[in-house]
C-alpha atoms as a PDB file:
ATOM      1  CA  MET A   1      13.985  -2.471  -2.532  1.00  0.00           C
ATOM      2  CA  ALA A   2      11.456  -5.292  -2.259  1.00  0.00           C
ATOM      3  CA  VAL A   3       7.881  -4.677  -1.197  1.00  0.00           C
ATOM      4  CA  LYS A   4       7.407  -6.358   2.174  1.00  0.00           C
ATOM      5  CA  GLU A   5       4.386  -8.585   2.828  1.00  0.00           C
ATOM      6  CA  ILE A   6       2.744  -7.794   6.172  1.00  0.00           C
ATOM      7  CA  THR A   7      -0.160  -9.258   8.168  1.00  0.00           C
ATOM      8  CA  ASP A   8      -2.950  -8.138  10.481  1.00  0.00           C
ATOM      9  CA  ALA A   9      -0.671  -9.056  13.403  1.00  0.00           C
ATOM     10  CA  THR A  10       2.274  -6.941  12.207  1.00  0.00           C
ATOM     11  CA  PHE A  11       0.336  -4.044  10.649  1.00  0.00           C
ATOM     12  CA  THR A  12       0.549  -1.551  13.536  1.00  0.00           C
ATOM     13  CA  GLU A  13       4.280  -2.056  14.016  1.00  0.00           C
ATOM     14  CA  GLU A  14       4.990  -1.959  10.270  1.00  0.00           C
ATOM     15  CA  THR A  15       3.190   1.378   9.805  1.00  0.00           C
ATOM     16  CA  SER A  16       4.345   3.115  12.995  1.00  0.00           C
ATOM     17  CA  LYS A  17       7.385   5.023  11.704  1.00  0.00           C
ATOM     18  CA  GLY A  18       7.994   7.159   8.646  1.00  0.00           C
ATOM     19  CA  LEU A  19       6.111   7.277   5.366  1.00  0.00           C
ATOM     20  CA  VAL A  20       4.602   3.889   4.504  1.00  0.00           C
ATOM     21  CA  ILE A  21       2.542   2.923   1.446  1.00  0.00           C
ATOM     22  CA  ILE A  22       0.350  -0.144   2.013  1.00  0.00           C
ATOM     23  CA  ASP A  23      -0.989  -2.035  -1.005  1.00  0.00           C
ATOM     24  CA  PHE A  24      -4.218  -3.879  -0.123  1.00  0.00           C
ATOM     25  CA  TRP A  25      -4.566  -6.685  -2.683  1.00  0.00           C
ATOM     26  CA  ALA A  26      -5.756 -10.255  -3.377  1.00  0.00           C
ATOM     27  CA  GLU A  27      -4.487 -13.081  -5.613  1.00  0.00           C
ATOM     28  CA  TRP A  28      -7.671 -13.189  -7.720  1.00  0.00           C
ATOM     29  CA  CYS A  29      -7.673  -9.426  -8.439  1.00  0.00           C
ATOM     30  CA  GLY A  30      -6.549  -8.627 -12.009  1.00  0.00           C
ATOM     31  CA  PRO A  31      -5.909  -4.911 -11.400  1.00  0.00           C
ATOM     32  CA  CYS A  32      -3.906  -5.870  -8.292  1.00  0.00           C
ATOM     33  CA  ARG A  33      -1.609  -8.037 -10.427  1.00  0.00           C
ATOM     34  CA  ILE A  34      -1.104  -5.108 -12.824  1.00  0.00           C
ATOM     35  CA  LEU A  35      -0.372  -2.718  -9.939  1.00  0.00           C
ATOM     36  CA  SER A  36       2.135  -5.022  -8.211  1.00  0.00           C
ATOM     37  CA  PRO A  37       5.099  -4.410 -10.592  1.00  0.00           C
ATOM     38  CA  ILE A  38       4.334  -0.672 -10.549  1.00  0.00           C
ATOM     39  CA  ILE A  39       4.631  -0.679  -6.755  1.00  0.00           C
ATOM     40  CA  GLU A  40       7.906  -2.631  -7.050  1.00  0.00           C
ATOM     41  CA  GLU A  41       9.275  -0.005  -9.466  1.00  0.00           C
ATOM     42  CA  LEU A  42       8.235   2.844  -7.173  1.00  0.00           C
ATOM     43  CA  SER A  43       9.871   1.108  -4.195  1.00  0.00           C
ATOM     44  CA  ASN A  44      13.138   0.980  -6.156  1.00  0.00           C
ATOM     45  CA  GLU A  45      12.881   4.638  -7.169  1.00  0.00           C
ATOM     46  CA  MET A  46      11.617   6.113  -3.879  1.00  0.00           C
ATOM     47  CA  LYS A  47      13.991   4.552  -1.367  1.00  0.00           C
ATOM     48  CA  ASN A  48      13.053   6.897   1.489  1.00  0.00           C
ATOM     49  CA  ILE A  49       9.517   5.438   1.552  1.00  0.00           C
ATOM     50  CA  GLN A  50       8.523   2.020   2.860  1.00  0.00           C
ATOM     51  CA  PHE A  51       6.321   0.023   0.475  1.00  0.00           C
ATOM     52  CA  LYS A  52       4.384  -2.894   1.943  1.00  0.00           C
ATOM     53  CA  LYS A  53       1.469  -5.076   0.913  1.00  0.00           C
ATOM     54  CA  ILE A  54      -1.249  -6.986   2.707  1.00  0.00           C
ATOM     55  CA  ASN A  55      -3.423  -9.738   1.248  1.00  0.00           C
ATOM     56  CA  VAL A  56      -7.018  -8.910   2.218  1.00  0.00           C
ATOM     57  CA  ASP A  57      -8.195 -12.512   1.887  1.00  0.00           C
ATOM     58  CA  GLU A  58      -5.595 -13.761   4.362  1.00  0.00           C
ATOM     59  CA  ASN A  59      -5.708 -10.642   6.585  1.00  0.00           C
ATOM     60  CA  PRO A  60      -9.236  -9.186   6.627  1.00  0.00           C
ATOM     61  CA  GLU A  61      -9.102  -7.377  10.009  1.00  0.00           C
ATOM     62  CA  VAL A  62      -7.099  -4.318   8.984  1.00  0.00           C
ATOM     63  CA  ALA A  63      -8.964  -3.932   5.673  1.00  0.00           C
ATOM     64  CA  ASN A  64     -12.294  -4.088   7.511  1.00  0.00           C
ATOM     65  CA  SER A  65     -11.180  -1.615  10.180  1.00  0.00           C
ATOM     66  CA  LEU A  66     -10.128   0.870   7.469  1.00  0.00           C
ATOM     67  CA  GLY A  67     -13.365   0.419   5.509  1.00  0.00           C
ATOM     68  CA  ILE A  68     -11.613  -0.962   2.435  1.00  0.00           C
ATOM     69  CA  THR A  69     -14.286  -2.418   0.157  1.00  0.00           C
ATOM     70  CA  ALA A  70     -12.486  -2.272  -3.204  1.00  0.00           C
ATOM     71  CA  ILE A  71      -9.053  -3.419  -4.272  1.00  0.00           C
ATOM     72  CA  PRO A  72      -6.485  -2.489  -5.197  1.00  0.00           C
ATOM     73  CA  THR A  73      -6.364   0.227  -2.575  1.00  0.00           C
ATOM     74  CA  LEU A  74      -3.241   2.011  -1.432  1.00  0.00           C
ATOM     75  CA  VAL A  75      -3.237   3.634   1.993  1.00  0.00           C
ATOM     76  CA  ILE A  76      -0.528   6.142   2.815  1.00  0.00           C
ATOM     77  CA  TYR A  77       0.577   6.178   6.449  1.00  0.00           C
ATOM     78  CA  LYS A  78       2.797   8.704   8.175  1.00  0.00           C
ATOM     79  CA  ASP A  79       4.119   7.842  11.625  1.00  0.00           C
ATOM     80  CA  GLY A  80       1.286   5.399  12.303  1.00  0.00           C
ATOM     81  CA  HIS A  81      -1.588   7.507  10.984  1.00  0.00           C
ATOM     82  CA  PRO A  82      -3.430   7.089   7.656  1.00  0.00           C
ATOM     83  CA  ILE A  83      -3.176  10.320   5.668  1.00  0.00           C
ATOM     84  CA  ASP A  84      -4.503   9.338   2.233  1.00  0.00           C
ATOM     85  CA  LYS A  85      -6.228   6.520   0.363  1.00  0.00           C
ATOM     86  CA  ILE A  86      -5.911   5.754  -3.355  1.00  0.00           C
ATOM     87  CA  ILE A  87      -8.557   3.397  -4.729  1.00  0.00           C
ATOM     88  CA  GLY A  88      -8.147   1.562  -8.020  1.00  0.00           C
ATOM     89  CA  LEU A  89      -5.440   1.177 -10.609  1.00  0.00           C
ATOM     90  CA  LEU A  90      -3.610   4.363 -11.602  1.00  0.00           C
ATOM     91  CA  PRO A  91      -0.631   4.896 -13.918  1.00  0.00           C
ATOM     92  CA  LYS A  92       2.794   4.931 -12.275  1.00  0.00           C
ATOM     93  CA  ASP A  93       3.438   8.639 -12.944  1.00  0.00           C
ATOM     94  CA  HIS A  94       0.113   9.614 -11.383  1.00  0.00           C
ATOM     95  CA  LEU A  95       0.793   7.502  -8.282  1.00  0.00           C
ATOM     96  CA  LYS A  96       4.271   8.969  -7.943  1.00  0.00           C
ATOM     97  CA  LYS A  97       2.911  12.533  -8.027  1.00  0.00           C
ATOM     98  CA  ILE A  98       0.381  11.719  -5.298  1.00  0.00           C
ATOM     99  CA  ILE A  99       3.015  10.088  -3.093  1.00  0.00           C
ATOM    100  CA  GLN A 100       5.518  12.927  -3.582  1.00  0.00           C
ATOM    101  CA  LYS A 101       3.065  15.343  -1.936  1.00  0.00           C
ATOM    102  CA  TYR A 102       3.800  13.634   1.388  1.00  0.00           C
ATOM    103  CA  ILE A 103       7.599  13.533   1.246  1.00  0.00           C
END
């Protein structure tokens, strides 16, 4: 399952239902480029979770409203509400364990 790119304009709708993992990233961010294929792998393995990403340079409103000052940052949403935030680059297995707590 591909990771869907979302925007400030679509953010609320895209996070309103179910368990959603949002990857806040930027093109120039080295750790973000390392994390991207990990998120793709997790999206293929964890099909009951929606994985989405938002470019903070092109869509600064949501990142600012959530107080995101470092990337990569993953924010876990459940039915429209943020329930956890993961800052920085973590190994795939570690990320998977964190996410599984919310299934």
